[in-house]
C-alpha atoms as a PDB file:
ATOM      1  CA  MET A   1      42.457   5.955  10.925  1.00  0.00           C
ATOM      2  CA  ALA A   2      42.771   3.673   7.556  1.00  0.00           C
ATOM      3  CA  ASP A   3      38.490   2.881   7.176  1.00  0.00           C
ATOM      4  CA  ALA A   4      38.344   7.257   5.743  1.00  0.00           C
ATOM      5  CA  GLY A   5      39.873   5.340   2.309  1.00  0.00           C
ATOM      6  CA  HIS A   6      42.224   9.170   2.416  1.00  0.00           C
ATOM      7  CA  GLY A   7      40.755   9.015  -1.721  1.00  0.00           C
ATOM      8  CA  HIS A   8      42.717   5.987  -1.987  1.00  0.00           C
ATOM      9  CA  THR A   9      40.416   5.018  -5.540  1.00  0.00           C
ATOM     10  CA  PRO A  10      41.903   3.540  -8.611  1.00  0.00           C
ATOM     11  CA  ALA A  11      40.551   7.182 -10.357  1.00  0.00           C
ATOM     12  CA  ALA A  12      41.708   9.415  -7.643  1.00  0.00           C
ATOM     13  CA  TRP A  13      45.584   7.553  -8.078  1.00  0.00           C
ATOM     14  CA  THR A  14      44.709   7.108 -11.751  1.00  0.00           C
ATOM     15  CA  GLY A  15      43.882  11.314 -12.639  1.00  0.00           C
ATOM     16  CA  VAL A  16      47.629  12.121  -9.850  1.00  0.00           C
ATOM     17  CA  ILE A  17      49.695  10.342 -11.959  1.00  0.00           C
ATOM     18  CA  ILE A  18      49.168  11.537 -14.798  1.00  0.00           C
ATOM     19  CA  ALA A  19      49.438  14.965 -13.896  1.00  0.00           C
ATOM     20  CA  PHE A  20      51.961  14.563 -11.729  1.00  0.00           C
ATOM     21  CA  ILE A  21      53.728  13.095 -15.417  1.00  0.00           C
ATOM     22  CA  GLY A  22      51.786  16.760 -16.889  1.00  0.00           C
ATOM     23  CA  PHE A  23      54.182  18.383 -14.001  1.00  0.00           C
ATOM     24  CA  CYS A  24      57.018  17.016 -14.503  1.00  0.00           C
ATOM     25  CA  VAL A  25      57.225  17.166 -18.671  1.00  0.00           C
ATOM     26  CA  SER A  26      56.091  20.773 -18.361  1.00  0.00           C
ATOM     27  CA  GLY A  27      58.080  22.238 -15.648  1.00  0.00           C
ATOM     28  CA  ALA A  28      61.407  19.980 -17.616  1.00  0.00           C
ATOM     29  CA  PHE A  29      60.517  21.645 -21.520  1.00  0.00           C
ATOM     30  CA  MET A  30      60.137  24.974 -19.328  1.00  0.00           C
ATOM     31  CA  VAL A  31      63.947  24.600 -17.764  1.00  0.00           C
ATOM     32  CA  MET A  32      64.457  23.595 -22.276  1.00  0.00           C
ATOM     33  CA  ALA A  33      62.545  27.185 -22.900  1.00  0.00           C
ATOM     34  CA  ASN A  34      60.528  25.023 -24.801  1.00  0.00           C
ATOM     35  CA  PRO A  35      57.300  26.771 -24.725  1.00  0.00           C
ATOM     36  CA  VAL A  36      55.434  23.871 -27.040  1.00  0.00           C
ATOM     37  CA  GLY A  37      56.968  20.864 -25.029  1.00  0.00           C
ATOM     38  CA  PHE A  38      55.643  23.622 -21.520  1.00  0.00           C
ATOM     39  CA  TRP A  39      51.870  22.821 -23.035  1.00  0.00           C
ATOM     40  CA  ALA A  40      51.743  19.892 -24.081  1.00  0.00           C
ATOM     41  CA  GLY A  41      52.643  19.370 -20.318  1.00  0.00           C
ATOM     42  CA  MET A  42      50.255  21.450 -18.929  1.00  0.00           C
ATOM     43  CA  ALA A  43      47.386  19.524 -21.237  1.00  0.00           C
ATOM     44  CA  LEU A  44      48.627  16.300 -19.139  1.00  0.00           C
ATOM     45  CA  ILE A  45      47.738  17.745 -16.462  1.00  0.00           C
ATOM     46  CA  GLY A  46      44.147  18.304 -18.006  1.00  0.00           C
ATOM     47  CA  ILE A  47      43.948  15.381 -18.871  1.00  0.00           C
ATOM     48  CA  GLY A  48      44.706  13.507 -16.024  1.00  0.00           C
ATOM     49  CA  THR A  49      41.997  15.539 -14.055  1.00  0.00           C
ATOM     50  CA  ILE A  50      38.848  14.649 -16.599  1.00  0.00           C
ATOM     51  CA  ALA A  51      40.177  10.685 -16.677  1.00  0.00           C
ATOM     52  CA  GLY A  52      39.987  11.119 -13.502  1.00  0.00           C
ATOM     53  CA  GLY A  53      36.604  12.114 -13.262  1.00  0.00           C
ATOM     54  CA  ILE A  54      35.570   9.708 -16.269  1.00  0.00           C
ATOM     55  CA  MET A  55      36.214   6.639 -13.780  1.00  0.00           C
ATOM     56  CA  SER A  56      35.108   8.569 -10.824  1.00  0.00           C
ATOM     57  CA  ALA A  57      31.472   8.746 -13.092  1.00  0.00           C
ATOM     58  CA  ALA A  58      32.326   5.278 -13.635  1.00  0.00           C
ATOM     59  CA  GLY A  59      32.083   4.096 -10.424  1.00  0.00           C
ATOM     60  CA  MET A  60      36.084   3.453  -9.743  1.00  0.00           C
ATOM     61  CA  GLY A  61      35.297   6.544  -6.916  1.00  0.00           C
ATOM     62  CA  LYS A  62      34.260   6.328  -3.804  1.00  0.00           C
ATOM     63  CA  PRO A  63      31.304   5.402  -2.615  1.00  0.00           C
ATOM     64  CA  GLU A  64      27.973   7.079  -2.473  1.00  0.00           C
ATOM     65  CA  GLY A  65      27.328   7.814   0.930  1.00  0.00           C
ATOM     66  CA  HIS A  66      30.638   6.763   1.967  1.00  0.00           C
ATOM     67  CA  VAL A  67      30.040   7.214   6.447  1.00  0.00           C
ATOM     68  CA  VAL A  68      34.304   8.878   7.844  1.00  0.00           C
ATOM     69  CA  ARG A  69      33.461   7.376  11.255  1.00  0.00           C
ATOM     70  CA  SER A  70      35.886   8.578  13.795  1.00  0.00           C
ATOM     71  CA  GLU A  71      36.594   6.844  16.845  1.00  0.00           C
ATOM     72  CA  SER A  72      37.981   8.156  19.776  1.00  0.00           C
END
């Protein structure tokens, strides 16, 4: 099962961590009724997506041609 990888790459982790921080920021500012902070958090979510994509394109993502084998 661990051979499948499940997306455990530096690109995936970086993108998810940045997006999670953006989600937390947006949630906090939504509760505080601050639209500017909310949209700043939403921008962080987009930045996380872009950062993960750039890192993946730079070779820090899942290698091309990765074959998942099932051991039954």
